[in-house]
Amino acid sequence: MKISISDSEMKVMEKLWACGHMISVADVVAALNKDGENWTHQTVGTFLKRLETKGIVSASKKGKSLYYFPLLSKEQFYAKEADHFLQSKFKGSLKNFLAAFSSEKELSEDEIQDLKDWFDGINHK
């Protein structure tokens, strides 16, 4: 199942993942604005609510503030995204996915060895 999130929602998620613990809307705003952007409390709150509706984050109330935390790790999210992409574009075939790249770009010897090592690693799990 694809979890569709916008680029702005992804920026918010990156801050949640980087934090490593529950974080308030105000703290997310501060973290985003530290990157030189101009985010408002209302905008971030809206994105967090959308992410909560999508089942990616959850909220807990502490006093008058809502604190958010991710329900999926960054790795879990990207694994789901990659699986959806593989299923929808290449009928689930990793071979077909890799073949799509081989016709466009030559791999270096190091890249070939890295892929061999990676395949050996996943085949021994």
N, C-alpha and C. Protein backbone atom coordinates (compact mmCIF):
# COMPACT_ATOMS: atom_id res chain seq x y z
N MET A 1 0.84 -1.18 0.00
CA MET A 1 0.00 0.00 0.00
C MET A 1 0.88 1.25 0.00
N LYS A 2 0.60 2.17 -0.89
CA LYS A 2 1.37 3.41 -0.98
C LYS A 2 0.86 4.41 0.05
N ILE A 3 1.78 5.01 0.73
CA ILE A 3 1.48 6.10 1.64
C ILE A 3 1.92 7.36 0.93
N SER A 4 0.98 8.10 0.42
CA SER A 4 1.30 9.28 -0.37
C SER A 4 1.46 10.49 0.53
N ILE A 5 2.64 11.10 0.49
CA ILE A 5 2.83 12.33 1.24
C ILE A 5 3.49 13.37 0.34
N SER A 6 3.15 14.62 0.58
CA SER A 6 3.68 15.72 -0.23
C SER A 6 5.12 16.03 0.18
N ASP A 7 5.77 16.85 -0.64
CA ASP A 7 7.14 17.27 -0.31
C ASP A 7 7.19 18.02 1.02
N SER A 8 6.19 18.86 1.27
CA SER A 8 6.16 19.61 2.53
C SER A 8 5.95 18.67 3.72
N GLU A 9 5.05 17.68 3.55
CA GLU A 9 4.85 16.70 4.62
C GLU A 9 6.13 15.92 4.87
N MET A 10 6.90 15.65 3.80
CA MET A 10 8.16 14.94 3.97
C MET A 10 9.16 15.77 4.77
N LYS A 11 9.18 17.07 4.55
CA LYS A 11 10.07 17.94 5.33
C LYS A 11 9.71 17.87 6.82
N VAL A 12 8.43 17.84 7.11
CA VAL A 12 7.97 17.73 8.50
C VAL A 12 8.39 16.37 9.06
N MET A 13 8.19 15.30 8.27
CA MET A 13 8.57 13.96 8.73
C MET A 13 10.07 13.88 9.01
N GLU A 14 10.88 14.51 8.16
CA GLU A 14 12.33 14.49 8.37
C GLU A 14 12.70 15.05 9.74
N LYS A 15 11.99 16.11 10.15
CA LYS A 15 12.26 16.70 11.46
C LYS A 15 11.82 15.77 12.59
N LEU A 16 10.69 15.09 12.40
CA LEU A 16 10.23 14.14 13.42
C LEU A 16 11.22 12.99 13.55
N TRP A 17 11.66 12.45 12.42
CA TRP A 17 12.63 11.35 12.47
C TRP A 17 13.95 11.79 13.10
N ALA A 18 14.39 12.99 12.76
CA ALA A 18 15.67 13.49 13.30
C ALA A 18 15.60 13.72 14.80
N CYS A 19 14.43 14.08 15.30
CA CYS A 19 14.27 14.39 16.71
C CYS A 19 14.47 13.17 17.60
N GLY A 20 13.85 12.07 17.22
CA GLY A 20 14.03 10.84 17.99
C GLY A 20 13.12 10.70 19.20
N HIS A 21 12.28 11.69 19.47
CA HIS A 21 11.31 11.60 20.57
C HIS A 21 10.11 12.46 20.22
N MET A 22 9.09 12.43 21.08
CA MET A 22 7.90 13.24 20.82
C MET A 22 8.31 14.71 20.76
N ILE A 23 7.65 15.44 19.84
CA ILE A 23 8.03 16.82 19.62
C ILE A 23 6.77 17.67 19.42
N SER A 24 6.79 18.87 19.96
CA SER A 24 5.63 19.75 19.85
C SER A 24 5.61 20.42 18.47
N VAL A 25 4.45 20.94 18.11
CA VAL A 25 4.31 21.66 16.85
C VAL A 25 5.29 22.84 16.83
N ALA A 26 5.37 23.55 17.94
CA ALA A 26 6.28 24.71 18.02
C ALA A 26 7.73 24.30 17.77
N ASP A 27 8.13 23.15 18.31
CA ASP A 27 9.50 22.67 18.10
C ASP A 27 9.74 22.25 16.65
N VAL A 28 8.72 21.69 16.00
CA VAL A 28 8.84 21.33 14.59
C VAL A 28 8.99 22.61 13.77
N VAL A 29 8.18 23.63 14.08
CA VAL A 29 8.26 24.92 13.38
C VAL A 29 9.68 25.49 13.53
N ALA A 30 10.19 25.48 14.74
CA ALA A 30 11.53 26.03 14.99
C ALA A 30 12.59 25.26 14.21
N ALA A 31 12.49 23.93 14.18
CA ALA A 31 13.46 23.11 13.44
C ALA A 31 13.40 23.40 11.94
N LEU A 32 12.20 23.55 11.42
CA LEU A 32 12.04 23.84 9.98
C LEU A 32 12.57 25.24 9.65
N ASN A 33 12.26 26.21 10.50
CA ASN A 33 12.70 27.58 10.25
C ASN A 33 14.20 27.75 10.40
N LYS A 34 14.81 26.86 11.16
CA LYS A 34 16.27 26.88 11.33
C LYS A 34 16.96 26.63 9.98
N ASP A 35 16.24 25.97 9.06
CA ASP A 35 16.77 25.68 7.72
C ASP A 35 16.61 26.87 6.78
N GLY A 36 16.14 28.01 7.31
CA GLY A 36 16.03 29.21 6.50
C GLY A 36 14.69 29.37 5.79
N GLU A 37 13.72 28.54 6.14
CA GLU A 37 12.40 28.67 5.54
C GLU A 37 11.50 29.46 6.48
N ASN A 38 10.28 29.72 6.05
CA ASN A 38 9.36 30.50 6.87
C ASN A 38 8.07 29.71 7.07
N TRP A 39 8.07 28.85 8.07
CA TRP A 39 6.92 28.01 8.38
C TRP A 39 6.13 28.63 9.53
N THR A 40 4.83 28.49 9.48
CA THR A 40 3.99 28.98 10.57
C THR A 40 3.46 27.81 11.39
N HIS A 41 3.04 28.10 12.60
CA HIS A 41 2.48 27.09 13.49
C HIS A 41 1.25 26.44 12.85
N GLN A 42 0.41 27.25 12.23
CA GLN A 42 -0.81 26.73 11.61
C GLN A 42 -0.50 25.78 10.45
N THR A 43 0.46 26.15 9.62
CA THR A 43 0.82 25.32 8.46
C THR A 43 1.38 23.97 8.92
N VAL A 44 2.29 24.01 9.86
CA VAL A 44 2.89 22.77 10.36
C VAL A 44 1.83 21.92 11.05
N GLY A 45 0.97 22.56 11.83
CA GLY A 45 -0.12 21.83 12.48
C GLY A 45 -1.02 21.13 11.48
N THR A 46 -1.31 21.80 10.37
CA THR A 46 -2.13 21.19 9.31
C THR A 46 -1.44 19.98 8.71
N PHE A 47 -0.15 20.11 8.41
CA PHE A 47 0.59 18.97 7.85
C PHE A 47 0.64 17.80 8.83
N LEU A 48 0.85 18.09 10.10
CA LEU A 48 0.90 17.03 11.11
C LEU A 48 -0.45 16.33 11.23
N LYS A 49 -1.53 17.08 11.17
CA LYS A 49 -2.88 16.48 11.21
C LYS A 49 -3.09 15.55 10.01
N ARG A 50 -2.65 16.01 8.83
CA ARG A 50 -2.76 15.17 7.62
C ARG A 50 -1.96 13.88 7.78
N LEU A 51 -0.74 14.02 8.30
CA LEU A 51 0.10 12.85 8.51
C LEU A 51 -0.52 11.90 9.53
N GLU A 52 -1.18 12.46 10.53
CA GLU A 52 -1.87 11.64 11.53
C GLU A 52 -3.04 10.89 10.87
N THR A 53 -3.80 11.57 10.03
CA THR A 53 -4.92 10.95 9.33
C THR A 53 -4.43 9.81 8.43
N LYS A 54 -3.25 9.97 7.86
CA LYS A 54 -2.67 8.95 6.97
C LYS A 54 -2.04 7.80 7.76
N GLY A 55 -2.00 7.92 9.09
CA GLY A 55 -1.46 6.85 9.92
C GLY A 55 0.05 6.80 10.00
N ILE A 56 0.70 7.92 9.69
CA ILE A 56 2.16 7.96 9.70
C ILE A 56 2.70 8.50 11.02
N VAL A 57 1.93 9.37 11.66
CA VAL A 57 2.31 9.91 12.96
C VAL A 57 1.14 9.75 13.93
N SER A 58 1.43 9.91 15.19
CA SER A 58 0.40 9.94 16.22
C SER A 58 0.68 11.12 17.13
N ALA A 59 -0.34 11.52 17.86
CA ALA A 59 -0.19 12.69 18.73
C ALA A 59 -0.59 12.32 20.15
N SER A 60 0.02 13.04 21.08
CA SER A 60 -0.31 12.89 22.49
C SER A 60 -0.40 14.30 23.07
N LYS A 61 -1.41 14.53 23.87
CA LYS A 61 -1.59 15.86 24.45
C LYS A 61 -0.87 15.94 25.80
N LYS A 62 -0.08 16.98 25.96
CA LYS A 62 0.60 17.26 27.22
C LYS A 62 0.25 18.70 27.58
N GLY A 63 -0.55 18.86 28.59
CA GLY A 63 -1.01 20.20 28.94
C GLY A 63 -1.88 20.73 27.80
N LYS A 64 -1.51 21.88 27.29
CA LYS A 64 -2.28 22.48 26.19
C LYS A 64 -1.67 22.17 24.82
N SER A 65 -0.54 21.50 24.82
CA SER A 65 0.17 21.26 23.55
C SER A 65 0.03 19.83 23.06
N LEU A 66 0.04 19.68 21.75
CA LEU A 66 0.09 18.36 21.13
C LEU A 66 1.54 18.04 20.80
N TYR A 67 1.91 16.82 21.10
CA TYR A 67 3.25 16.33 20.78
C TYR A 67 3.09 15.18 19.80
N TYR A 68 3.90 15.20 18.75
CA TYR A 68 3.80 14.21 17.68
C TYR A 68 5.01 13.29 17.67
N PHE A 69 4.78 12.08 17.18
CA PHE A 69 5.86 11.12 17.02
C PHE A 69 5.52 10.22 15.83
N PRO A 70 6.55 9.77 15.11
CA PRO A 70 6.32 8.93 13.94
C PRO A 70 5.90 7.51 14.34
N LEU A 71 4.99 6.94 13.57
CA LEU A 71 4.59 5.55 13.77
C LEU A 71 5.42 4.59 12.92
N LEU A 72 6.09 5.15 11.92
CA LEU A 72 7.00 4.38 11.07
C LEU A 72 8.38 5.00 11.17
N SER A 73 9.40 4.16 11.22
CA SER A 73 10.75 4.69 11.14
C SER A 73 11.00 5.16 9.71
N LYS A 74 12.02 5.94 9.53
CA LYS A 74 12.39 6.41 8.19
C LYS A 74 12.66 5.21 7.28
N GLU A 75 13.34 4.21 7.81
CA GLU A 75 13.66 3.02 7.03
C GLU A 75 12.40 2.26 6.63
N GLN A 76 11.45 2.13 7.56
CA GLN A 76 10.19 1.45 7.25
C GLN A 76 9.41 2.21 6.18
N PHE A 77 9.39 3.53 6.30
CA PHE A 77 8.67 4.34 5.32
C PHE A 77 9.27 4.15 3.93
N TYR A 78 10.59 4.28 3.82
CA TYR A 78 11.24 4.15 2.51
C TYR A 78 11.14 2.73 1.97
N ALA A 79 11.13 1.74 2.83
CA ALA A 79 10.95 0.35 2.37
C ALA A 79 9.56 0.18 1.76
N LYS A 80 8.55 0.77 2.39
CA LYS A 80 7.18 0.71 1.84
C LYS A 80 7.10 1.45 0.51
N GLU A 81 7.72 2.62 0.44
CA GLU A 81 7.73 3.40 -0.80
C GLU A 81 8.42 2.62 -1.92
N ALA A 82 9.57 2.04 -1.62
CA ALA A 82 10.32 1.28 -2.62
C ALA A 82 9.53 0.06 -3.08
N ASP A 83 8.89 -0.64 -2.15
CA ASP A 83 8.10 -1.81 -2.51
C ASP A 83 6.93 -1.41 -3.41
N HIS A 84 6.26 -0.32 -3.07
CA HIS A 84 5.13 0.13 -3.89
C HIS A 84 5.62 0.48 -5.30
N PHE A 85 6.74 1.17 -5.39
CA PHE A 85 7.30 1.55 -6.68
C PHE A 85 7.63 0.30 -7.50
N LEU A 86 8.29 -0.64 -6.87
CA LEU A 86 8.67 -1.89 -7.54
C LEU A 86 7.42 -2.65 -8.02
N GLN A 87 6.39 -2.73 -7.16
CA GLN A 87 5.16 -3.42 -7.52
C GLN A 87 4.43 -2.72 -8.66
N SER A 88 4.31 -1.41 -8.57
CA SER A 88 3.49 -0.67 -9.54
C SER A 88 4.18 -0.46 -10.88
N LYS A 89 5.49 -0.32 -10.89
CA LYS A 89 6.20 -0.02 -12.13
C LYS A 89 6.89 -1.22 -12.77
N PHE A 90 7.24 -2.22 -11.97
CA PHE A 90 8.01 -3.35 -12.48
C PHE A 90 7.40 -4.70 -12.12
N LYS A 91 6.10 -4.69 -11.82
CA LYS A 91 5.36 -5.91 -11.48
C LYS A 91 6.07 -6.72 -10.38
N GLY A 92 6.72 -6.01 -9.48
CA GLY A 92 7.37 -6.65 -8.34
C GLY A 92 8.71 -7.28 -8.65
N SER A 93 9.21 -7.11 -9.86
CA SER A 93 10.46 -7.76 -10.26
C SER A 93 11.67 -6.86 -10.04
N LEU A 94 12.52 -7.24 -9.10
CA LEU A 94 13.76 -6.50 -8.87
C LEU A 94 14.67 -6.63 -10.09
N LYS A 95 14.63 -7.78 -10.73
CA LYS A 95 15.44 -7.99 -11.94
C LYS A 95 15.05 -6.98 -13.02
N ASN A 96 13.74 -6.81 -13.26
CA ASN A 96 13.29 -5.86 -14.27
C ASN A 96 13.65 -4.42 -13.89
N PHE A 97 13.59 -4.12 -12.61
CA PHE A 97 13.97 -2.80 -12.13
C PHE A 97 15.44 -2.54 -12.43
N LEU A 98 16.30 -3.48 -12.07
CA LEU A 98 17.74 -3.31 -12.31
C LEU A 98 18.06 -3.29 -13.80
N ALA A 99 17.34 -4.08 -14.58
CA ALA A 99 17.57 -4.12 -16.02
C ALA A 99 17.26 -2.76 -16.66
N ALA A 100 16.29 -2.05 -16.11
CA ALA A 100 15.95 -0.73 -16.64
C ALA A 100 17.13 0.23 -16.54
N PHE A 101 17.95 0.05 -15.53
CA PHE A 101 19.11 0.91 -15.38
C PHE A 101 20.30 0.45 -16.21
N SER A 102 20.42 -0.84 -16.41
CA SER A 102 21.60 -1.37 -17.09
C SER A 102 21.67 -0.92 -18.55
N SER A 103 20.54 -0.66 -19.16
CA SER A 103 20.57 -0.24 -20.56
C SER A 103 20.93 1.23 -20.71
N GLU A 104 20.85 1.99 -19.64
CA GLU A 104 21.11 3.43 -19.70
C GLU A 104 22.48 3.83 -19.17
N LYS A 105 23.03 3.02 -18.29
CA LYS A 105 24.26 3.44 -17.62
C LYS A 105 25.15 2.22 -17.41
N GLU A 106 26.41 2.40 -17.75
CA GLU A 106 27.36 1.33 -17.47
C GLU A 106 27.75 1.38 -16.01
N LEU A 107 27.83 0.22 -15.41
CA LEU A 107 28.24 0.14 -14.02
C LEU A 107 29.75 -0.01 -13.94
N SER A 108 30.33 0.63 -12.95
CA SER A 108 31.77 0.46 -12.73
C SER A 108 32.00 -0.90 -12.07
N GLU A 109 33.23 -1.32 -12.07
CA GLU A 109 33.58 -2.59 -11.42
C GLU A 109 33.23 -2.55 -9.94
N ASP A 110 33.47 -1.39 -9.30
CA ASP A 110 33.14 -1.24 -7.88
C ASP A 110 31.64 -1.37 -7.64
N GLU A 111 30.84 -0.75 -8.52
CA GLU A 111 29.38 -0.84 -8.38
C GLU A 111 28.90 -2.27 -8.57
N ILE A 112 29.48 -2.96 -9.54
CA ILE A 112 29.12 -4.37 -9.77
C ILE A 112 29.45 -5.19 -8.54
N GLN A 113 30.64 -4.97 -7.97
CA GLN A 113 31.03 -5.71 -6.78
C GLN A 113 30.13 -5.38 -5.60
N ASP A 114 29.77 -4.11 -5.45
CA ASP A 114 28.85 -3.71 -4.38
C ASP A 114 27.52 -4.44 -4.51
N LEU A 115 27.00 -4.51 -5.74
CA LEU A 115 25.73 -5.22 -5.97
C LEU A 115 25.86 -6.71 -5.66
N LYS A 116 26.97 -7.31 -6.08
CA LYS A 116 27.19 -8.74 -5.79
C LYS A 116 27.23 -8.97 -4.28
N ASP A 117 27.96 -8.10 -3.57
CA ASP A 117 28.05 -8.22 -2.12
C ASP A 117 26.68 -8.05 -1.48
N TRP A 118 25.90 -7.10 -1.99
CA TRP A 118 24.57 -6.85 -1.45
C TRP A 118 23.68 -8.08 -1.66
N PHE A 119 23.70 -8.65 -2.89
CA PHE A 119 22.89 -9.84 -3.17
C PHE A 119 23.33 -11.02 -2.33
N ASP A 120 24.64 -11.17 -2.15
CA ASP A 120 25.12 -12.26 -1.29
C ASP A 120 24.62 -12.08 0.13
N GLY A 121 24.59 -10.84 0.60
CA GLY A 121 24.14 -10.55 1.95
C GLY A 121 22.66 -10.85 2.14
N ILE A 122 21.82 -10.50 1.16
CA ILE A 122 20.40 -10.76 1.33
C ILE A 122 20.05 -12.22 1.10
N ASN A 123 20.87 -12.93 0.36
CA ASN A 123 20.59 -14.35 0.13
C ASN A 123 21.00 -15.22 1.31
N HIS A 124 21.79 -14.67 2.24
CA HIS A 124 22.22 -15.44 3.40
C HIS A 124 21.42 -15.11 4.65
N LYS A 125 20.37 -14.33 4.50
CA LYS A 125 19.54 -13.99 5.68
C LYS A 125 18.56 -15.08 5.98
